[in-house]
Amino acid sequence: MKRTGNLWPSIVSFENLAAAAHAASAGKRGRPDVAVFNLNLEWELLELQRELASGNYRPGPYRTFMVKDPKPRHISAAPFRDRVVHHALTRVVEPIFEKRFSKDSFACRKGFGTHRALDRAKEGARRCPYVLKCDIRKYFASIDHEILKGLLARAVRCKPTLDLAAKIIDGSNEQERVIAYYPGDDLFTPYERRRGLPLGNQTSQFLANVYLDPLDQFVVRELRPKVYARYVDDFVVFDENKDRLREILWAIRNLLATLRLDLHAGKSRIHRTADGVTFLGWRLFPDRCRLDRGNVQRFLERMRGLEADYSRGAARLQDVQQRVQAWIAHAAHGNTWRLREGLLARFAFTEGCAV
């Protein structure tokens, strides 16, 4: 594998840092920390440039909070100046990996996304009678720092760039503890190795794809199923033969063990496509695609909240329209016409006081 060097001048250039600050500010310019940084933008960028060039840059502490949609998760927010650095790094390094990534990896990539992943899985459900549905157990909390750095070094030959990536990785805040043993471990190995990337980092999304690229390449090049699609730690493998999928499951478990990862035992099994398989909030069959029950329930809860906000003047009609239209566009990717009509008929938005 050819490695790319001499990336550091591009990363620390003022132009790249300015573009990174612009990207990190998108949709967040009203937040106090973002506004203060942008108020003194040139000075802040020159200071970041000086720290990076001298090797004195150190990531700051994370702020953590909980979200519950669709399931409880701890989100970590880095200081804004660190988010600028994250964007500066990925703007230069990510294109190198993008050329290498599999076309069957759909998360956090320009031009890919959930709907393209869904279309690929629909193709598999139409073509194949069986599907292996897999979910990696506690994926972000399990990512091994040393293995991740090694995967970056396979493609990057620039020491300052790798050092910066290592600072960001090693600066990750404490994640959920995952204790698991793999071949060659002794009693203390799981406690000695640093693991986990914070949910919420722009770099974490990119690095999560780097970490599972060996899986993608192994499945596509070596196992060669009829159809494969991965979105972060959730993936489906379609084939015509159930025994073949059992062999693929065994091979995937062994490959993941080299990355110190495990499949979720309760969520990784073989299904008949005629019985349906759940993927990315959809229930897929050979001849149709429907939203799963949890997805519909979450939409109802959001609509009830939006209806209440609008009735008391805490939401504008424009907000309501945007949210509803976004969901309709999402739901239109499946056979949901009657569902959409029935759900939307339940709500009557009565205008309250002006916002």
Protein backbone atom coordinates (compact mmCIF):
# COMPACT_ATOMS: atom_id res chain seq x y z
CA MET A 1 0.00 0.00 0.00
CA LYS A 2 1.46 3.35 -1.07
CA ARG A 3 1.78 5.85 1.78
CA THR A 4 1.34 9.61 1.39
CA GLY A 5 3.79 12.06 2.94
CA ASN A 6 4.43 15.81 3.27
CA LEU A 7 0.89 16.58 4.49
CA TRP A 8 1.85 18.85 7.38
CA PRO A 9 2.32 22.11 5.45
CA SER A 10 -1.21 21.75 4.04
CA ILE A 11 -2.71 21.00 7.45
CA VAL A 12 -1.17 24.00 9.26
CA SER A 13 -1.58 26.50 6.43
CA PHE A 14 -3.63 29.56 7.35
CA GLU A 15 -5.97 28.89 4.42
CA ASN A 16 -6.74 25.38 5.66
CA LEU A 17 -7.28 26.55 9.24
CA ALA A 18 -9.62 29.31 8.03
CA ALA A 19 -11.62 26.82 5.96
CA ALA A 20 -11.72 24.46 8.94
CA ALA A 21 -13.05 27.23 11.19
CA HIS A 22 -15.76 28.00 8.63
CA ALA A 23 -16.77 24.32 8.45
CA ALA A 24 -16.76 23.92 12.24
CA SER A 25 -18.96 27.03 12.60
CA ALA A 26 -21.66 25.80 10.22
CA GLY A 27 -25.03 25.98 11.96
CA LYS A 28 -23.39 27.01 15.27
CA ARG A 29 -22.45 30.68 14.83
CA GLY A 30 -24.91 31.77 17.50
CA ARG A 31 -23.24 29.71 20.24
CA PRO A 32 -21.16 31.79 22.67
CA ASP A 33 -17.87 29.88 22.25
CA VAL A 34 -18.17 29.95 18.46
CA ALA A 35 -19.07 33.64 18.41
CA VAL A 36 -16.10 34.56 20.65
CA PHE A 37 -13.69 32.56 18.47
CA ASN A 38 -14.99 34.16 15.27
CA LEU A 39 -14.93 37.64 16.80
CA ASN A 40 -11.14 37.30 17.06
CA LEU A 41 -10.84 34.91 14.15
CA GLU A 42 -7.49 35.96 12.69
CA TRP A 43 -5.74 36.05 16.07
CA GLU A 44 -7.26 32.68 17.09
CA LEU A 45 -6.16 31.03 13.86
CA LEU A 46 -2.64 32.44 14.06
CA GLU A 47 -2.37 31.19 17.64
CA LEU A 48 -3.56 27.74 16.62
CA GLN A 49 -1.12 27.76 13.72
CA ARG A 50 1.74 28.70 16.05
CA GLU A 51 0.85 25.93 18.55
CA LEU A 52 0.53 23.31 15.83
CA ALA A 53 3.76 24.30 14.06
CA SER A 54 5.74 24.29 17.32
CA GLY A 55 4.27 21.00 18.53
CA ASN A 56 2.80 22.69 21.62
CA TYR A 57 -0.86 22.15 20.72
CA ARG A 58 -2.79 20.18 23.36
CA PRO A 59 -6.49 19.27 23.15
CA GLY A 60 -8.76 20.72 25.84
CA PRO A 61 -11.30 18.94 28.08
CA TYR A 62 -14.59 17.60 26.72
CA ARG A 63 -18.09 18.61 27.79
CA THR A 64 -20.42 15.61 27.96
CA PHE A 65 -24.20 15.31 27.84
CA MET A 66 -26.83 12.64 27.21
CA VAL A 67 -29.19 12.24 24.25
CA LYS A 68 -32.02 9.70 24.14
CA ASP A 69 -32.95 9.49 20.44
CA PRO A 70 -33.13 6.70 19.40
CA LYS A 71 -31.37 5.25 22.47
CA PRO A 72 -29.47 6.77 25.42
CA ARG A 73 -25.95 7.82 24.38
CA HIS A 74 -23.23 9.95 25.91
CA ILE A 75 -22.17 12.73 23.53
CA SER A 76 -18.83 14.51 23.99
CA ALA A 77 -18.30 18.07 22.79
CA ALA A 78 -14.71 19.26 22.34
CA PRO A 79 -13.79 22.95 22.82
CA PHE A 80 -14.44 24.88 19.63
CA ARG A 81 -10.76 25.54 18.87
CA ASP A 82 -10.19 21.78 19.02
CA ARG A 83 -13.05 21.22 16.60
CA VAL A 84 -11.28 23.59 14.20
CA VAL A 85 -8.17 21.41 14.46
CA HIS A 86 -10.27 18.28 13.86
CA HIS A 87 -11.60 19.76 10.62
CA ALA A 88 -8.14 20.97 9.58
CA LEU A 89 -6.78 17.42 9.97
CA THR A 90 -9.60 15.60 8.20
CA ARG A 91 -9.77 18.12 5.33
CA VAL A 92 -6.30 16.95 4.30
CA VAL A 93 -6.17 13.32 5.48
CA GLU A 94 -9.68 12.10 4.73
CA PRO A 95 -9.36 12.38 0.90
CA ILE A 96 -6.38 10.01 1.05
CA PHE A 97 -8.50 7.35 2.71
CA GLU A 98 -11.59 8.12 0.67
CA LYS A 99 -9.83 6.72 -2.40
CA ARG A 100 -9.24 3.47 -0.51
CA PHE A 101 -12.58 3.02 1.24
CA SER A 102 -15.02 0.43 -0.03
CA LYS A 103 -18.06 1.59 -2.00
CA ASP A 104 -20.11 -0.55 0.41
CA SER A 105 -19.28 1.67 3.43
CA PHE A 106 -21.93 4.40 3.59
CA ALA A 107 -21.59 6.34 6.87
CA CYS A 108 -20.19 9.89 7.12
CA ARG A 109 -19.02 10.05 3.51
CA LYS A 110 -19.84 12.72 0.97
CA GLY A 111 -22.26 11.36 -1.61
CA PHE A 112 -23.15 8.27 0.44
CA GLY A 113 -25.41 8.26 3.55
CA THR A 114 -28.32 6.27 4.95
CA HIS A 115 -30.53 6.30 1.87
CA ARG A 116 -27.81 4.94 -0.41
CA ALA A 117 -27.08 2.26 2.20
CA LEU A 118 -30.80 1.47 2.28
CA ASP A 119 -30.92 1.18 -1.52
CA ARG A 120 -27.99 -1.24 -1.45
CA ALA A 121 -29.70 -3.36 1.22
CA LYS A 122 -32.96 -3.31 -0.79
CA GLU A 123 -31.02 -4.74 -3.71
CA GLY A 124 -29.76 -7.54 -1.48
CA ALA A 125 -33.25 -8.31 -0.19
CA ARG A 126 -34.56 -8.53 -3.76
CA ARG A 127 -31.74 -10.76 -5.00
CA CYS A 128 -31.07 -13.12 -2.09
CA PRO A 129 -33.18 -15.41 0.13
CA TYR A 130 -30.91 -15.02 3.19
CA VAL A 131 -29.23 -12.17 5.05
CA LEU A 132 -26.68 -12.02 7.85
CA LYS A 133 -27.49 -9.01 10.02
CA CYS A 134 -24.62 -7.90 12.31
CA ASP A 135 -24.06 -5.28 14.97
CA ILE A 136 -20.71 -4.62 16.66
CA ARG A 137 -20.93 -4.54 20.43
CA LYS A 138 -20.16 -1.11 21.96
CA TYR A 139 -18.23 -0.09 18.87
CA PHE A 140 -16.99 3.43 19.64
CA ALA A 141 -16.12 2.49 23.23
CA SER A 142 -14.12 -0.53 21.97
CA ILE A 143 -11.90 1.14 19.35
CA ASP A 144 -8.31 0.35 20.33
CA HIS A 145 -6.02 3.38 20.17
CA GLU A 146 -2.83 1.58 19.15
CA ILE A 147 -4.54 -0.43 16.42
CA LEU A 148 -6.15 2.77 15.09
CA LYS A 149 -2.82 4.61 14.97
CA GLY A 150 -1.33 1.67 13.09
CA LEU A 151 -4.11 1.78 10.52
CA LEU A 152 -3.51 5.50 9.97
CA ALA A 153 0.22 4.87 9.52
CA ARG A 154 -0.49 2.36 6.74
CA ALA A 155 -1.61 5.22 4.51
CA VAL A 156 0.17 8.29 5.98
CA ARG A 157 3.96 8.75 5.97
CA CYS A 158 4.05 12.19 7.61
CA LYS A 159 5.20 12.11 11.25
CA PRO A 160 3.78 15.52 12.37
CA THR A 161 0.41 14.53 10.89
CA LEU A 162 0.45 11.18 12.66
CA ASP A 163 1.53 12.89 15.89
CA LEU A 164 -1.42 15.29 15.69
CA ALA A 165 -3.82 12.41 15.04
CA ALA A 166 -2.32 10.60 18.04
CA LYS A 167 -2.87 13.66 20.27
CA ILE A 168 -6.53 13.76 19.26
CA ILE A 169 -6.96 10.01 19.76
CA ASP A 170 -5.09 9.95 23.08
CA GLY A 171 -6.99 13.07 24.19
CA SER A 172 -10.29 11.19 24.04
CA ASN A 173 -12.20 11.43 27.27
CA GLU A 174 -13.05 8.33 29.31
CA GLN A 175 -15.62 6.15 27.56
CA GLU A 176 -17.73 3.26 28.77
CA ARG A 177 -15.40 0.53 29.98
CA VAL A 178 -15.39 -2.58 27.78
CA ILE A 179 -13.61 -5.62 29.19
CA ALA A 180 -12.96 -8.36 26.63
CA TYR A 181 -10.17 -10.87 26.06
CA TYR A 182 -8.66 -11.90 22.73
CA PRO A 183 -6.03 -14.47 21.66
CA GLY A 184 -2.65 -13.69 23.21
CA ASP A 185 -4.03 -11.57 26.07
CA ASP A 186 -2.98 -12.05 29.67
CA LEU A 187 -5.11 -11.18 32.69
CA PHE A 188 -4.21 -7.48 32.61
CA THR A 189 -4.27 -6.76 28.85
CA PRO A 190 -7.83 -5.31 28.67
CA TYR A 191 -6.95 -2.88 31.47
CA GLU A 192 -3.65 -1.79 29.95
CA ARG A 193 -4.85 -0.88 26.45
CA ARG A 194 -6.54 2.47 25.89
CA ARG A 195 -9.83 2.26 24.05
CA GLY A 196 -12.73 4.44 22.96
CA LEU A 197 -13.49 7.47 20.79
CA PRO A 198 -15.97 10.15 21.86
CA LEU A 199 -19.31 10.28 20.06
CA GLY A 200 -19.75 13.77 18.68
CA ASN A 201 -16.25 14.41 17.32
CA GLN A 202 -15.93 15.06 13.60
CA THR A 203 -12.68 13.09 13.71
CA SER A 204 -14.40 10.15 15.42
CA GLN A 205 -16.71 9.70 12.44
CA PHE A 206 -13.78 9.58 10.05
CA LEU A 207 -11.62 7.39 12.31
CA ALA A 208 -14.52 4.95 12.80
CA ASN A 209 -14.47 4.34 9.04
CA VAL A 210 -10.68 3.93 9.05
CA TYR A 211 -10.95 1.34 11.83
CA LEU A 212 -13.49 -0.84 10.01
CA ASP A 213 -11.97 -0.51 6.55
CA PRO A 214 -10.10 -3.84 7.05
CA LEU A 215 -13.50 -5.47 7.62
CA ASP A 216 -14.95 -3.92 4.46
CA GLN A 217 -11.97 -4.98 2.35
CA PHE A 218 -11.98 -8.51 3.79
CA VAL A 219 -15.70 -9.03 3.16
CA VAL A 220 -15.69 -7.57 -0.36
CA ARG A 221 -12.37 -9.02 -1.61
CA GLU A 222 -12.06 -12.32 0.26
CA LEU A 223 -15.56 -13.44 1.29
CA ARG A 224 -17.30 -11.98 -1.80
CA PRO A 225 -20.99 -12.25 -0.79
CA LYS A 226 -23.71 -11.26 -3.25
CA VAL A 227 -24.40 -7.94 -1.47
CA TYR A 228 -22.76 -6.17 1.50
CA ALA A 229 -23.61 -2.82 3.09
CA ARG A 230 -22.20 -1.20 6.25
CA TYR A 231 -23.30 1.92 8.07
CA VAL A 232 -20.96 2.60 11.05
CA ASP A 233 -21.19 -0.57 13.20
CA ASP A 234 -24.38 -1.93 11.63
CA PHE A 235 -23.99 -4.11 8.53
CA VAL A 236 -25.82 -6.67 6.41
CA VAL A 237 -24.46 -9.48 4.23
CA PHE A 238 -26.77 -11.08 1.64
CA ASP A 239 -26.25 -14.40 -0.07
CA GLU A 240 -28.13 -17.29 -1.67
CA ASN A 241 -26.91 -19.99 0.71
CA LYS A 242 -27.53 -20.13 4.46
CA ASP A 243 -24.51 -22.37 5.10
CA ARG A 244 -22.34 -19.91 3.19
CA LEU A 245 -23.53 -17.12 5.49
CA ARG A 246 -22.64 -19.25 8.53
CA GLU A 247 -19.10 -19.52 7.16
CA ILE A 248 -19.04 -15.76 6.54
CA LEU A 249 -20.21 -15.09 10.10
CA TRP A 250 -17.39 -17.25 11.48
CA ALA A 251 -14.81 -15.49 9.27
CA ILE A 252 -16.08 -12.04 10.27
CA ARG A 253 -15.87 -12.91 13.98
CA ASN A 254 -12.24 -13.95 13.51
CA LEU A 255 -11.35 -10.80 11.56
CA LEU A 256 -13.01 -8.55 14.15
CA ALA A 257 -11.06 -10.27 16.92
CA THR A 258 -7.83 -8.98 15.31
CA LEU A 259 -9.32 -5.48 15.76
CA ARG A 260 -10.31 -6.34 19.35
CA LEU A 261 -14.01 -6.10 18.50
CA ASP A 262 -16.96 -8.43 19.11
CA LEU A 263 -20.31 -8.88 17.44
CA HIS A 264 -23.38 -8.25 19.55
CA ALA A 265 -24.61 -11.79 20.24
CA GLY A 266 -28.30 -10.88 20.35
CA LYS A 267 -28.24 -8.73 17.22
CA SER A 268 -26.04 -10.78 14.89
CA ARG A 269 -27.80 -13.66 13.17
CA ILE A 270 -29.05 -15.04 9.86
CA HIS A 271 -32.59 -14.26 8.65
CA ARG A 272 -34.74 -15.25 5.72
CA THR A 273 -35.34 -12.11 3.68
CA ALA A 274 -38.95 -13.26 3.20
CA ASP A 275 -39.39 -12.79 6.96
CA GLY A 276 -37.90 -9.29 6.85
CA VAL A 277 -34.74 -7.78 8.32
CA THR A 278 -34.33 -4.48 10.16
CA PHE A 279 -31.63 -2.11 8.88
CA LEU A 280 -31.21 1.61 9.60
CA GLY A 281 -34.73 1.97 10.97
CA TRP A 282 -36.38 0.13 8.09
CA ARG A 283 -37.90 -3.32 7.74
CA LEU A 284 -36.78 -4.84 4.43
CA PHE A 285 -38.53 -7.59 2.47
CA PRO A 286 -37.88 -8.85 -1.07
CA ASP A 287 -40.83 -6.88 -2.47
CA ARG A 288 -41.27 -3.96 -0.07
CA CYS A 289 -39.62 -1.68 2.49
CA ARG A 290 -41.38 -0.32 5.55
CA LEU A 291 -40.41 1.88 8.47
CA ASP A 292 -39.91 -0.18 11.60
CA ARG A 293 -42.14 0.34 14.61
CA GLY A 294 -39.53 2.19 16.67
CA ASN A 295 -38.93 4.71 13.89
CA VAL A 296 -42.66 5.43 13.61
CA GLN A 297 -43.02 5.76 17.37
CA ARG A 298 -40.18 8.27 17.58
CA PHE A 299 -41.76 10.34 14.80
CA LEU A 300 -45.09 10.38 16.68
CA GLU A 301 -43.36 11.56 19.85
CA ARG A 302 -41.55 14.33 17.98
CA MET A 303 -44.79 15.41 16.29
CA ARG A 304 -46.64 15.57 19.61
CA GLY A 305 -43.89 17.77 21.02
CA LEU A 306 -43.90 19.97 17.92
CA GLU A 307 -47.69 20.25 18.06
CA ALA A 308 -47.51 21.37 21.69
CA ASP A 309 -44.74 23.87 20.95
CA TYR A 310 -46.70 25.37 18.06
CA SER A 311 -49.92 25.65 20.07
CA ARG A 312 -48.16 27.70 22.77
CA GLY A 313 -46.21 29.83 20.31
CA ALA A 314 -42.82 28.22 20.93
CA ALA A 315 -42.41 27.04 17.31
CA ARG A 316 -43.01 28.76 14.00
CA LEU A 317 -45.06 27.37 11.14
CA GLN A 318 -41.83 27.28 9.11
CA ASP A 319 -40.26 25.02 11.75
CA VAL A 320 -43.24 22.67 11.61
CA GLN A 321 -43.21 22.53 7.82
CA GLN A 322 -39.48 21.84 7.63
CA ARG A 323 -39.63 19.01 10.17
CA VAL A 324 -42.66 17.38 8.56
CA GLN A 325 -41.31 17.70 5.02
CA ALA A 326 -37.96 16.23 6.08
CA TRP A 327 -39.70 13.19 7.57
CA ILE A 328 -41.97 12.78 4.54
CA ALA A 329 -38.89 12.82 2.25
CA HIS A 330 -37.25 10.19 4.45
CA ALA A 331 -40.36 7.99 4.66
CA ALA A 332 -40.86 8.21 0.89
CA HIS A 333 -37.86 5.89 0.44
CA GLY A 334 -40.15 2.98 1.37
CA ASN A 335 -43.68 1.74 0.80
CA THR A 336 -45.24 4.19 3.26
CA TRP A 337 -47.96 6.14 1.46
CA ARG A 338 -50.82 4.93 3.65
CA LEU A 339 -48.69 5.21 6.76
CA ARG A 340 -47.84 8.83 5.99
CA GLU A 341 -51.46 9.73 5.33
CA GLY A 342 -52.62 8.06 8.55
CA LEU A 343 -49.95 9.56 10.78
CA LEU A 344 -50.22 13.12 9.52
CA ALA A 345 -54.02 13.04 9.80
CA ARG A 346 -53.66 12.59 13.57
CA PHE A 347 -52.31 16.10 14.12
CA ALA A 348 -54.02 19.49 13.94
CA PHE A 349 -51.64 22.39 14.44
CA THR A 350 -53.46 25.28 16.12
CA GLU A 351 -51.51 28.52 16.21
CA GLY A 352 -50.69 29.95 19.64
CA CYS A 353 -49.01 33.17 20.72
CA ALA A 354 -46.37 34.66 18.46
CA VAL A 355 -42.85 33.45 19.07
